[in-house]
Structures are given as C-alpha cells and as structure tokens.
C-alpha cells in the first residue's frame, strides 16, 4: 500500500495526476528549522521525519507491504528559508523580498518501506517579475498566499508574475513527480 504522509491538496492532486493509487495519512511533526540548519538538510529531515512517523503508526495496523512518501517544500532567497507567512503582513513582506528576483524552491522527499529509507531533494529556480505594492496587496487579499511556502502559488494567480522556471515545475507546486517516481521504483514494495 502506498501512503502519502501529507495533508496538502496539491500533493494529492500531483500524485493522482501521475497515476498512483494511494491513501492519505498526514504526519504531525514540528516544522521549525533547527538552529543553523541549511535549507536542503531542513526539508530532507522533515520529509524523512514525516514519512517515518506515518510508517511507524501504520506498519502495525496495515496488512501487507507499506510504502510511505513524505515531503516538505520551502522557498529560499539568498540561502535563507522563507517559511509560510504568519499573517497577511508577513505574506506582503515575503512577496516584496521575491519581487524582481530569482529564488529557489526546494522539496525534500522521503520514501520509507520496511527495509529502507530513501531521501532526496529537488531544487528549482524561479524568477519573479517586479511587483507593485498594489499588486502585492491585491494578491494577499485573495488569501491564496497564506498557506504556501514563499507566499505564492505558481499554479494560481501568481503565475502571471513568473516568466521563468529552471528545473521541475511540479517541484514548485509541491511534489517533484519525476523524483518521486524514481524513488518509488527504486524501493519496490516487499511481499
């Protein structure tokens, strides 16, 4: 059985789009970075902790083989983690930081089975056009930025401000599908 250790509707949609049959069982782990933790170790640690927590919880309750996928996405600018905004003012602050610049979206992915754990990360560069204060205010008022790392959704209204993506588009949405597929294939379900 394949399990997605995430409540993210975007991750569910992407995994479904890729043709996988799975169940959803969100993990509940603290998501704060450790002191001095760099972005890639941060997201890979969280992905692993989420997948391992759900695997531990379900492994005794689930008959048959189990694969758990965990993921965590962050946005970085100048190697600094930009978390999900705390409130509308914080969303506007983050968008002002991204305006007219390139940043990185990093997703850590972990696949846990009874026999092993595989962890990897995908990095995508995203270019933002310069945004006016009015554009930022209007976008923040939609509520779309509020539960998103970096305070935007590339598949939503912010798409009009993104002229260039270098790397995996699906990573920016929240789950790098080619990486996930390769990891699932490398850790087949044991029988």
N, C-alpha and C. Protein backbone atom coordinates (compact mmCIF):
# COMPACT_ATOMS: atom_id res chain seq x y z
N UNK A 1 0.84 -1.18 0.00
CA UNK A 1 0.00 0.00 0.00
C UNK A 1 0.89 1.24 0.00
N UNK A 2 0.53 2.21 -0.82
CA UNK A 2 1.24 3.47 -0.89
C UNK A 2 0.48 4.51 -0.07
N UNK A 3 1.21 5.24 0.79
CA UNK A 3 0.61 6.25 1.66
C UNK A 3 1.34 7.56 1.47
N UNK A 4 0.58 8.63 1.32
CA UNK A 4 1.13 9.98 1.27
C UNK A 4 1.01 10.59 2.65
N UNK A 5 2.14 10.94 3.25
CA UNK A 5 2.17 11.50 4.61
C UNK A 5 2.04 13.02 4.55
N UNK A 6 0.95 13.49 3.94
CA UNK A 6 0.77 14.92 3.75
C UNK A 6 -0.71 15.24 3.60
N UNK A 7 -1.11 16.38 4.17
CA UNK A 7 -2.49 16.85 4.01
C UNK A 7 -2.61 17.79 2.83
N UNK A 8 -1.52 18.07 2.13
CA UNK A 8 -1.52 19.04 1.04
C UNK A 8 -2.41 18.59 -0.11
N UNK A 9 -3.41 19.39 -0.46
CA UNK A 9 -4.24 19.03 -1.62
C UNK A 9 -3.44 19.05 -2.91
N UNK A 10 -2.44 19.91 -3.00
CA UNK A 10 -1.61 19.96 -4.21
C UNK A 10 -0.81 18.67 -4.37
N UNK A 11 -0.26 18.14 -3.30
CA UNK A 11 0.49 16.89 -3.40
C UNK A 11 -0.44 15.73 -3.77
N UNK A 12 -1.64 15.72 -3.20
CA UNK A 12 -2.61 14.68 -3.57
C UNK A 12 -2.93 14.75 -5.06
N UNK A 13 -3.19 15.96 -5.55
CA UNK A 13 -3.52 16.13 -6.97
C UNK A 13 -2.37 15.68 -7.87
N UNK A 14 -1.15 16.04 -7.51
CA UNK A 14 0.01 15.67 -8.33
C UNK A 14 0.24 14.16 -8.35
N UNK A 15 0.14 13.52 -7.19
CA UNK A 15 0.35 12.07 -7.14
C UNK A 15 -0.74 11.34 -7.92
N UNK A 16 -1.96 11.85 -7.85
CA UNK A 16 -3.06 11.29 -8.64
C UNK A 16 -2.81 11.50 -10.13
N UNK A 17 -2.38 12.71 -10.49
CA UNK A 17 -2.08 13.04 -11.89
C UNK A 17 -1.04 12.08 -12.46
N UNK A 18 -0.09 11.68 -11.63
CA UNK A 18 0.98 10.78 -12.08
C UNK A 18 0.52 9.32 -12.16
N UNK A 19 -0.74 9.06 -11.78
CA UNK A 19 -1.29 7.72 -11.94
C UNK A 19 -1.16 6.81 -10.75
N UNK A 20 -0.80 7.33 -9.59
CA UNK A 20 -0.65 6.49 -8.41
C UNK A 20 -1.97 6.33 -7.67
N UNK A 21 -2.14 5.15 -7.08
CA UNK A 21 -3.26 4.87 -6.18
C UNK A 21 -2.66 4.86 -4.78
N UNK A 22 -3.24 5.64 -3.89
CA UNK A 22 -2.64 5.82 -2.56
C UNK A 22 -3.70 6.26 -1.56
N UNK A 23 -3.34 6.19 -0.30
CA UNK A 23 -4.16 6.76 0.75
C UNK A 23 -3.40 7.94 1.35
N UNK A 24 -4.12 8.79 2.03
CA UNK A 24 -3.52 9.96 2.66
C UNK A 24 -3.58 9.80 4.17
N UNK A 25 -2.44 9.99 4.80
CA UNK A 25 -2.35 9.95 6.25
C UNK A 25 -1.36 11.04 6.67
N UNK A 26 -1.85 12.23 6.98
CA UNK A 26 -0.94 13.34 7.30
C UNK A 26 -0.08 13.05 8.52
N UNK A 27 1.14 13.52 8.46
CA UNK A 27 2.06 13.42 9.59
C UNK A 27 1.95 14.70 10.42
N UNK A 28 2.20 14.56 11.68
CA UNK A 28 2.17 15.73 12.57
C UNK A 28 3.51 15.82 13.28
N UNK A 29 4.42 16.54 12.64
CA UNK A 29 5.75 16.76 13.22
C UNK A 29 6.03 18.26 13.24
N UNK A 30 6.79 18.74 14.23
CA UNK A 30 7.15 20.16 14.24
C UNK A 30 7.95 20.52 13.00
N UNK A 31 7.67 21.68 12.41
CA UNK A 31 8.30 22.06 11.14
C UNK A 31 9.30 23.21 11.27
N UNK A 32 9.72 23.51 12.47
CA UNK A 32 10.69 24.60 12.65
C UNK A 32 12.09 24.13 12.28
N UNK A 33 12.86 24.99 11.58
CA UNK A 33 14.25 24.62 11.30
C UNK A 33 15.07 24.58 12.59
N UNK A 34 16.06 23.71 12.62
CA UNK A 34 16.98 23.66 13.75
C UNK A 34 17.93 24.84 13.64
N UNK A 35 18.51 25.29 14.75
CA UNK A 35 19.44 26.42 14.68
C UNK A 35 20.56 26.16 13.68
N UNK A 36 20.73 27.09 12.74
CA UNK A 36 21.80 26.99 11.75
C UNK A 36 21.55 25.97 10.65
N UNK A 37 20.37 25.36 10.61
CA UNK A 37 20.09 24.33 9.61
C UNK A 37 19.93 24.94 8.22
N UNK A 38 20.67 24.42 7.25
CA UNK A 38 20.60 24.88 5.86
C UNK A 38 19.31 24.35 5.21
N UNK A 39 18.88 24.98 4.11
CA UNK A 39 17.59 24.61 3.50
C UNK A 39 17.46 23.15 3.07
N UNK A 40 18.45 22.58 2.37
CA UNK A 40 18.30 21.20 1.90
C UNK A 40 18.26 20.21 3.08
N UNK A 41 19.17 20.29 4.04
CA UNK A 41 19.05 19.40 5.20
C UNK A 41 17.72 19.59 5.95
N UNK A 42 17.23 20.81 5.98
CA UNK A 42 15.95 21.11 6.66
C UNK A 42 14.80 20.35 6.00
N UNK A 43 14.62 20.51 4.68
CA UNK A 43 13.48 19.87 4.02
C UNK A 43 13.63 18.35 3.94
N UNK A 44 14.85 17.85 3.80
CA UNK A 44 15.01 16.39 3.76
C UNK A 44 14.79 15.78 5.14
N UNK A 45 15.21 16.48 6.17
CA UNK A 45 14.94 15.99 7.54
C UNK A 45 13.44 15.91 7.79
N UNK A 46 12.72 16.99 7.45
CA UNK A 46 11.27 16.99 7.68
C UNK A 46 10.57 15.92 6.85
N UNK A 47 10.96 15.76 5.60
CA UNK A 47 10.35 14.72 4.76
C UNK A 47 10.56 13.34 5.39
N UNK A 48 11.78 13.08 5.84
CA UNK A 48 12.09 11.79 6.48
C UNK A 48 11.30 11.61 7.78
N UNK A 49 11.26 12.66 8.62
CA UNK A 49 10.53 12.55 9.89
C UNK A 49 9.04 12.30 9.65
N UNK A 50 8.46 12.96 8.65
CA UNK A 50 7.04 12.76 8.35
C UNK A 50 6.79 11.33 7.87
N UNK A 51 7.60 10.86 6.93
CA UNK A 51 7.40 9.51 6.39
C UNK A 51 7.63 8.45 7.46
N UNK A 52 8.66 8.63 8.27
CA UNK A 52 8.95 7.65 9.32
C UNK A 52 7.85 7.62 10.38
N UNK A 53 7.32 8.79 10.76
CA UNK A 53 6.26 8.85 11.76
C UNK A 53 5.01 8.11 11.28
N UNK A 54 4.64 8.34 10.03
CA UNK A 54 3.45 7.66 9.49
C UNK A 54 3.73 6.17 9.31
N UNK A 55 4.93 5.81 8.87
CA UNK A 55 5.26 4.38 8.73
C UNK A 55 5.14 3.68 10.08
N UNK A 56 5.71 4.28 11.14
CA UNK A 56 5.63 3.68 12.48
C UNK A 56 4.17 3.51 12.90
N UNK A 57 3.37 4.52 12.64
CA UNK A 57 1.97 4.48 13.06
C UNK A 57 1.16 3.43 12.29
N UNK A 58 1.42 3.28 11.00
CA UNK A 58 0.61 2.39 10.17
C UNK A 58 1.16 0.97 10.03
N UNK A 59 2.44 0.78 10.26
CA UNK A 59 3.06 -0.53 9.96
C UNK A 59 2.44 -1.67 10.76
N UNK A 60 1.99 -1.41 11.97
CA UNK A 60 1.37 -2.48 12.77
C UNK A 60 -0.12 -2.62 12.47
N UNK A 61 -0.71 -1.64 11.80
CA UNK A 61 -2.15 -1.66 11.52
C UNK A 61 -2.46 -2.05 10.08
N UNK A 62 -1.43 -2.08 9.23
CA UNK A 62 -1.65 -2.28 7.80
C UNK A 62 -1.18 -3.66 7.38
N UNK A 63 -2.11 -4.47 6.87
CA UNK A 63 -1.67 -5.77 6.37
C UNK A 63 -0.93 -5.58 5.04
N UNK A 64 0.08 -6.38 4.85
CA UNK A 64 0.81 -6.30 3.58
C UNK A 64 1.88 -5.23 3.59
N UNK A 65 2.58 -5.13 2.46
CA UNK A 65 3.70 -4.18 2.36
C UNK A 65 3.22 -2.72 2.36
N UNK A 66 4.10 -1.86 2.83
CA UNK A 66 3.76 -0.45 3.00
C UNK A 66 4.89 0.43 2.48
N UNK A 67 4.54 1.45 1.69
CA UNK A 67 5.46 2.49 1.24
C UNK A 67 4.86 3.81 1.67
N UNK A 68 5.65 4.64 2.36
CA UNK A 68 5.16 5.95 2.80
C UNK A 68 6.03 7.03 2.16
N UNK A 69 5.36 8.00 1.52
CA UNK A 69 6.05 9.14 0.92
C UNK A 69 5.82 10.36 1.80
N UNK A 70 6.92 10.97 2.21
CA UNK A 70 6.86 12.23 2.95
C UNK A 70 7.52 13.31 2.13
N UNK A 71 7.05 14.54 2.27
CA UNK A 71 7.64 15.66 1.52
C UNK A 71 7.53 16.93 2.32
N UNK A 72 8.46 17.84 2.06
CA UNK A 72 8.40 19.17 2.64
C UNK A 72 9.02 20.14 1.64
N UNK A 73 8.36 21.27 1.44
CA UNK A 73 8.82 22.27 0.47
C UNK A 73 9.10 23.58 1.18
N UNK A 74 10.18 24.22 0.77
CA UNK A 74 10.48 25.56 1.27
C UNK A 74 10.96 26.43 0.12
N UNK A 75 10.90 27.72 0.35
CA UNK A 75 11.41 28.70 -0.59
C UNK A 75 12.61 29.37 0.05
N UNK A 76 13.67 29.55 -0.73
CA UNK A 76 14.86 30.22 -0.19
C UNK A 76 15.25 31.39 -1.08
N UNK A 77 15.73 32.41 -0.43
CA UNK A 77 16.26 33.58 -1.11
C UNK A 77 17.58 33.89 -0.43
N UNK A 78 18.65 33.94 -1.20
CA UNK A 78 19.99 34.15 -0.64
C UNK A 78 20.30 33.12 0.45
N UNK A 79 19.86 31.87 0.21
CA UNK A 79 20.07 30.73 1.10
C UNK A 79 19.35 30.87 2.45
N UNK A 80 18.41 31.79 2.54
CA UNK A 80 17.60 31.95 3.76
C UNK A 80 16.22 31.34 3.52
N UNK A 81 15.74 30.58 4.48
CA UNK A 81 14.44 29.93 4.37
C UNK A 81 13.32 30.96 4.55
N UNK A 82 12.39 30.97 3.58
CA UNK A 82 11.18 31.80 3.68
C UNK A 82 10.02 30.85 3.94
N UNK A 83 9.55 30.82 5.15
CA UNK A 83 8.50 29.88 5.54
C UNK A 83 7.14 30.36 5.05
N UNK A 84 6.11 29.61 5.41
CA UNK A 84 4.75 30.04 5.12
C UNK A 84 4.50 31.33 5.91
N UNK A 85 3.76 32.26 5.32
CA UNK A 85 3.52 33.53 6.03
C UNK A 85 2.68 33.33 7.29
N UNK A 86 3.01 34.13 8.30
CA UNK A 86 2.28 34.06 9.56
C UNK A 86 0.95 34.79 9.50
N UNK A 87 0.90 35.83 8.67
CA UNK A 87 -0.31 36.65 8.55
C UNK A 87 -0.21 37.44 7.24
N UNK A 88 -1.25 38.20 6.87
CA UNK A 88 -1.19 38.94 5.61
C UNK A 88 0.00 39.91 5.51
N UNK A 89 0.37 40.55 6.60
CA UNK A 89 1.51 41.47 6.56
C UNK A 89 2.80 40.72 6.25
N UNK A 90 2.93 39.52 6.81
CA UNK A 90 4.12 38.71 6.55
C UNK A 90 4.12 38.23 5.10
N UNK A 91 2.96 37.88 4.56
CA UNK A 91 2.87 37.48 3.15
C UNK A 91 3.33 38.63 2.25
N UNK A 92 2.89 39.84 2.55
CA UNK A 92 3.31 41.00 1.75
C UNK A 92 4.81 41.22 1.86
N UNK A 93 5.37 41.04 3.05
CA UNK A 93 6.81 41.18 3.26
C UNK A 93 7.58 40.18 2.40
N UNK A 94 7.14 38.93 2.41
CA UNK A 94 7.81 37.88 1.63
C UNK A 94 7.73 38.19 0.14
N UNK A 95 6.57 38.60 -0.33
CA UNK A 95 6.40 38.91 -1.76
C UNK A 95 7.27 40.09 -2.18
N UNK A 96 7.43 41.07 -1.29
CA UNK A 96 8.32 42.20 -1.60
C UNK A 96 9.77 41.71 -1.73
N UNK A 97 10.16 40.74 -0.90
CA UNK A 97 11.51 40.18 -0.99
C UNK A 97 11.72 39.45 -2.32
N UNK A 98 10.70 38.74 -2.80
CA UNK A 98 10.81 37.96 -4.03
C UNK A 98 10.70 38.82 -5.29
N UNK A 99 10.07 39.97 -5.16
CA UNK A 99 9.79 40.84 -6.31
C UNK A 99 11.05 41.20 -7.10
N UNK A 100 11.02 40.92 -8.41
CA UNK A 100 12.12 41.28 -9.30
C UNK A 100 13.37 40.42 -9.14
N UNK A 101 13.26 39.30 -8.46
CA UNK A 101 14.43 38.48 -8.19
C UNK A 101 14.17 37.01 -8.51
N UNK A 102 15.23 36.24 -8.51
CA UNK A 102 15.13 34.79 -8.61
C UNK A 102 15.31 34.18 -7.23
N UNK A 103 14.60 33.11 -6.99
CA UNK A 103 14.72 32.39 -5.72
C UNK A 103 14.70 30.89 -6.03
N UNK A 104 14.88 30.09 -5.00
CA UNK A 104 14.87 28.64 -5.16
C UNK A 104 13.71 28.03 -4.37
N UNK A 105 13.10 27.04 -4.98
CA UNK A 105 12.10 26.21 -4.30
C UNK A 105 12.76 24.85 -4.11
N UNK A 106 12.77 24.38 -2.88
CA UNK A 106 13.42 23.11 -2.55
C UNK A 106 12.41 22.20 -1.89
N UNK A 107 12.28 21.00 -2.43
CA UNK A 107 11.41 20.00 -1.82
C UNK A 107 12.25 18.80 -1.42
N UNK A 108 12.14 18.43 -0.16
CA UNK A 108 12.72 17.19 0.32
C UNK A 108 11.68 16.09 0.18
N UNK A 109 12.12 14.92 -0.26
CA UNK A 109 11.22 13.78 -0.42
C UNK A 109 11.84 12.58 0.28
N UNK A 110 11.02 11.82 0.98
CA UNK A 110 11.47 10.59 1.62
C UNK A 110 10.49 9.48 1.28
N UNK A 111 11.02 8.30 1.01
CA UNK A 111 10.20 7.11 0.83
C UNK A 111 10.68 6.08 1.86
N UNK A 112 9.75 5.64 2.69
CA UNK A 112 10.08 4.68 3.76
C UNK A 112 9.33 3.38 3.50
N UNK A 113 10.07 2.28 3.56
CA UNK A 113 9.50 0.93 3.49
C UNK A 113 10.00 0.15 4.70
N UNK A 114 9.57 -1.08 4.82
CA UNK A 114 10.03 -1.91 5.94
C UNK A 114 11.53 -2.13 5.88
N UNK A 115 12.09 -2.13 4.67
CA UNK A 115 13.51 -2.44 4.53
C UNK A 115 14.45 -1.26 4.42
N UNK A 116 13.92 -0.08 4.08
CA UNK A 116 14.85 1.04 3.88
C UNK A 116 14.13 2.39 3.85
N UNK A 117 14.96 3.40 3.87
CA UNK A 117 14.50 4.78 3.75
C UNK A 117 15.38 5.46 2.71
N UNK A 118 14.75 6.10 1.74
CA UNK A 118 15.49 6.86 0.73
C UNK A 118 15.05 8.32 0.84
N UNK A 119 16.04 9.22 0.81
CA UNK A 119 15.77 10.65 0.95
C UNK A 119 16.50 11.39 -0.16
N UNK A 120 15.82 12.39 -0.74
CA UNK A 120 16.43 13.19 -1.80
C UNK A 120 15.79 14.58 -1.79
N UNK A 121 16.38 15.48 -2.56
CA UNK A 121 15.83 16.83 -2.67
C UNK A 121 15.85 17.28 -4.12
N UNK A 122 14.90 18.11 -4.47
CA UNK A 122 14.80 18.73 -5.80
C UNK A 122 14.88 20.24 -5.59
N UNK A 123 15.67 20.92 -6.46
CA UNK A 123 15.82 22.37 -6.37
C UNK A 123 15.41 22.97 -7.72
N UNK A 124 14.54 23.96 -7.67
CA UNK A 124 14.07 24.65 -8.87
C UNK A 124 14.26 26.15 -8.68
N UNK A 125 14.81 26.81 -9.70
CA UNK A 125 14.96 28.27 -9.66
C UNK A 125 13.72 28.91 -10.28
N UNK A 126 13.21 29.95 -9.63
CA UNK A 126 12.01 30.64 -10.09
C UNK A 126 12.31 32.14 -10.16
N UNK A 127 11.98 32.74 -11.29
CA UNK A 127 12.17 34.19 -11.49
C UNK A 127 10.83 34.90 -11.31
N UNK A 128 10.82 35.95 -10.51
CA UNK A 128 9.64 36.79 -10.29
C UNK A 128 9.82 38.11 -11.02
N UNK A 129 8.77 38.61 -11.63
CA UNK A 129 8.77 39.98 -12.14
C UNK A 129 8.72 40.94 -10.96
N UNK A 130 8.97 42.21 -11.21
CA UNK A 130 8.83 43.22 -10.17
C UNK A 130 7.35 43.46 -9.91
N UNK A 131 6.98 43.48 -8.65
CA UNK A 131 5.59 43.65 -8.25
C UNK A 131 5.39 45.01 -7.61
N UNK A 132 4.28 45.63 -7.92
CA UNK A 132 3.93 46.90 -7.27
C UNK A 132 3.29 46.60 -5.92
N UNK A 133 3.27 47.59 -5.04
CA UNK A 133 2.59 47.43 -3.76
C UNK A 133 1.12 47.09 -3.96
N UNK A 134 0.49 47.69 -4.97
CA UNK A 134 -0.92 47.42 -5.24
C UNK A 134 -1.13 45.97 -5.67
N UNK A 135 -0.22 45.44 -6.51
CA UNK A 135 -0.33 44.04 -6.93
C UNK A 135 -0.17 43.10 -5.73
N UNK A 136 0.78 43.41 -4.88
CA UNK A 136 1.00 42.58 -3.69
C UNK A 136 -0.22 42.64 -2.78
N UNK A 137 -0.73 43.82 -2.53
CA UNK A 137 -1.90 43.98 -1.66
C UNK A 137 -3.11 43.22 -2.23
N UNK A 138 -3.32 43.34 -3.53
CA UNK A 138 -4.45 42.67 -4.16
C UNK A 138 -4.30 41.15 -4.06
N UNK A 139 -3.09 40.65 -4.30
CA UNK A 139 -2.86 39.21 -4.23
C UNK A 139 -3.02 38.68 -2.81
N UNK A 140 -2.47 39.38 -1.85
CA UNK A 140 -2.58 38.95 -0.46
C UNK A 140 -4.06 38.92 -0.04
N UNK A 141 -4.85 39.87 -0.53
CA UNK A 141 -6.28 39.94 -0.15
C UNK A 141 -7.07 38.73 -0.65
N UNK A 142 -6.53 37.98 -1.64
CA UNK A 142 -7.23 36.79 -2.12
C UNK A 142 -7.11 35.63 -1.13
N UNK A 143 -6.13 35.69 -0.23
CA UNK A 143 -5.89 34.61 0.72
C UNK A 143 -5.02 33.49 0.16
N UNK A 144 -4.77 33.50 -1.14
CA UNK A 144 -4.00 32.43 -1.77
C UNK A 144 -2.60 32.23 -1.18
N UNK A 145 -1.90 33.31 -0.80
CA UNK A 145 -0.53 33.12 -0.30
C UNK A 145 -0.43 32.53 1.10
N UNK A 146 -1.52 32.45 1.82
CA UNK A 146 -1.43 32.22 3.26
C UNK A 146 -0.93 30.85 3.71
N UNK A 147 -1.12 29.81 2.96
CA UNK A 147 -0.62 28.51 3.42
C UNK A 147 0.47 27.97 2.50
N UNK A 148 1.18 28.88 1.84
CA UNK A 148 2.18 28.48 0.85
C UNK A 148 3.57 28.95 1.27
N UNK A 149 4.54 28.06 1.14
CA UNK A 149 5.93 28.46 1.33
C UNK A 149 6.25 29.54 0.29
N UNK A 150 6.85 30.62 0.73
CA UNK A 150 7.16 31.72 -0.19
C UNK A 150 5.98 32.62 -0.49
N UNK A 151 4.83 32.35 0.08
CA UNK A 151 3.63 33.19 -0.02
C UNK A 151 3.08 33.30 -1.45
N UNK A 152 3.23 32.23 -2.25
CA UNK A 152 2.61 32.26 -3.57
C UNK A 152 2.33 30.84 -4.06
N UNK A 153 1.40 30.76 -5.01
CA UNK A 153 1.08 29.50 -5.68
C UNK A 153 1.36 29.68 -7.16
N UNK A 154 2.34 28.96 -7.69
CA UNK A 154 2.69 29.09 -9.10
C UNK A 154 1.54 28.65 -9.99
N UNK A 155 0.72 27.72 -9.50
CA UNK A 155 -0.40 27.23 -10.29
C UNK A 155 -1.64 28.10 -10.11
N UNK A 156 -1.51 29.17 -9.35
CA UNK A 156 -2.62 30.08 -9.09
C UNK A 156 -2.39 31.44 -9.73
N UNK A 157 -2.87 32.47 -9.07
CA UNK A 157 -2.81 33.82 -9.62
C UNK A 157 -1.39 34.35 -9.79
N UNK A 158 -0.45 33.85 -9.01
CA UNK A 158 0.93 34.32 -9.10
C UNK A 158 1.60 33.90 -10.40
N UNK A 159 1.01 32.98 -11.14
CA UNK A 159 1.60 32.50 -12.40
C UNK A 159 1.91 33.66 -13.35
N UNK A 160 1.13 34.70 -13.31
CA UNK A 160 1.33 35.83 -14.24
C UNK A 160 2.60 36.62 -13.95
N UNK A 161 3.22 36.40 -12.81
CA UNK A 161 4.44 37.13 -12.45
C UNK A 161 5.70 36.28 -12.58
N UNK A 162 5.57 35.07 -13.14
CA UNK A 162 6.70 34.14 -13.18
C UNK A 162 7.06 33.84 -14.64
N UNK A 163 8.02 34.60 -15.18
CA UNK A 163 8.39 34.39 -16.58
C UNK A 163 9.34 33.21 -16.81
N UNK A 164 9.98 32.73 -15.77
CA UNK A 164 10.98 31.68 -15.97
C UNK A 164 11.03 30.73 -14.77
N UNK A 165 11.07 29.44 -15.12
CA UNK A 165 11.28 28.38 -14.13
C UNK A 165 12.40 27.51 -14.69
N UNK A 166 13.44 27.30 -13.91
CA UNK A 166 14.55 26.44 -14.31
C UNK A 166 14.57 25.23 -13.40
N UNK A 167 14.12 24.11 -13.95
CA UNK A 167 14.02 22.89 -13.17
C UNK A 167 12.60 22.35 -13.21
N UNK A 168 12.26 21.55 -12.23
CA UNK A 168 10.98 20.86 -12.19
C UNK A 168 9.84 21.79 -11.76
N UNK A 169 8.91 22.02 -12.68
CA UNK A 169 7.73 22.85 -12.37
C UNK A 169 6.92 22.23 -11.22
N UNK A 170 6.75 20.90 -11.25
CA UNK A 170 5.93 20.24 -10.23
C UNK A 170 6.54 20.39 -8.84
N UNK A 171 7.85 20.54 -8.77
CA UNK A 171 8.51 20.81 -7.50
C UNK A 171 7.98 22.11 -6.90
N UNK A 172 7.78 23.11 -7.73
CA UNK A 172 7.30 24.41 -7.25
C UNK A 172 5.85 24.29 -6.76
N UNK A 173 5.08 23.43 -7.39
CA UNK A 173 3.70 23.18 -6.95
C UNK A 173 3.72 22.45 -5.61
N UNK A 174 4.71 21.59 -5.39
CA UNK A 174 4.81 20.93 -4.09
C UNK A 174 5.30 19.50 -4.08
N UNK A 175 5.47 18.87 -5.27
CA UNK A 175 5.95 17.49 -5.29
C UNK A 175 6.65 17.21 -6.62
N UNK A 176 7.96 17.01 -6.61
CA UNK A 176 8.69 16.73 -7.86
C UNK A 176 8.39 15.32 -8.34
N UNK A 177 7.47 15.21 -9.29
CA UNK A 177 6.93 13.90 -9.68
C UNK A 177 7.98 12.95 -10.23
N UNK A 178 8.88 13.41 -11.09
CA UNK A 178 9.89 12.50 -11.66
C UNK A 178 10.79 11.94 -10.56
N UNK A 179 11.16 12.77 -9.60
CA UNK A 179 11.98 12.30 -8.48
C UNK A 179 11.21 11.29 -7.64
N UNK A 180 9.96 11.58 -7.33
CA UNK A 180 9.15 10.67 -6.53
C UNK A 180 9.00 9.32 -7.25
N UNK A 181 8.71 9.37 -8.54
CA UNK A 181 8.55 8.12 -9.31
C UNK A 181 9.83 7.29 -9.28
N UNK A 182 10.96 7.94 -9.47
CA UNK A 182 12.25 7.22 -9.45
C UNK A 182 12.49 6.60 -8.07
N UNK A 183 12.15 7.32 -7.02
CA UNK A 183 12.35 6.80 -5.67
C UNK A 183 11.42 5.62 -5.39
N UNK A 184 10.16 5.73 -5.80
CA UNK A 184 9.21 4.63 -5.58
C UNK A 184 9.64 3.39 -6.34
N UNK A 185 10.15 3.57 -7.53
CA UNK A 185 10.59 2.44 -8.33
C UNK A 185 11.86 1.80 -7.75
N UNK A 186 12.70 2.60 -7.10
CA UNK A 186 13.93 2.05 -6.54
C UNK A 186 13.69 1.32 -5.22
N UNK A 187 12.56 1.58 -4.58
CA UNK A 187 12.20 0.89 -3.34
C UNK A 187 10.87 0.18 -3.52
N UNK A 188 10.86 -0.90 -4.32
CA UNK A 188 9.58 -1.58 -4.57
C UNK A 188 9.03 -2.19 -3.29
N UNK A 189 7.74 -2.37 -3.29
CA UNK A 189 7.08 -2.98 -2.14
C UNK A 189 7.58 -4.41 -1.95
N UNK A 190 7.94 -4.73 -0.73
CA UNK A 190 8.34 -6.11 -0.40
C UNK A 190 7.06 -6.94 -0.26
N UNK A 191 7.18 -8.19 -0.53
CA UNK A 191 5.99 -9.05 -0.41
C UNK A 191 6.08 -9.94 0.80
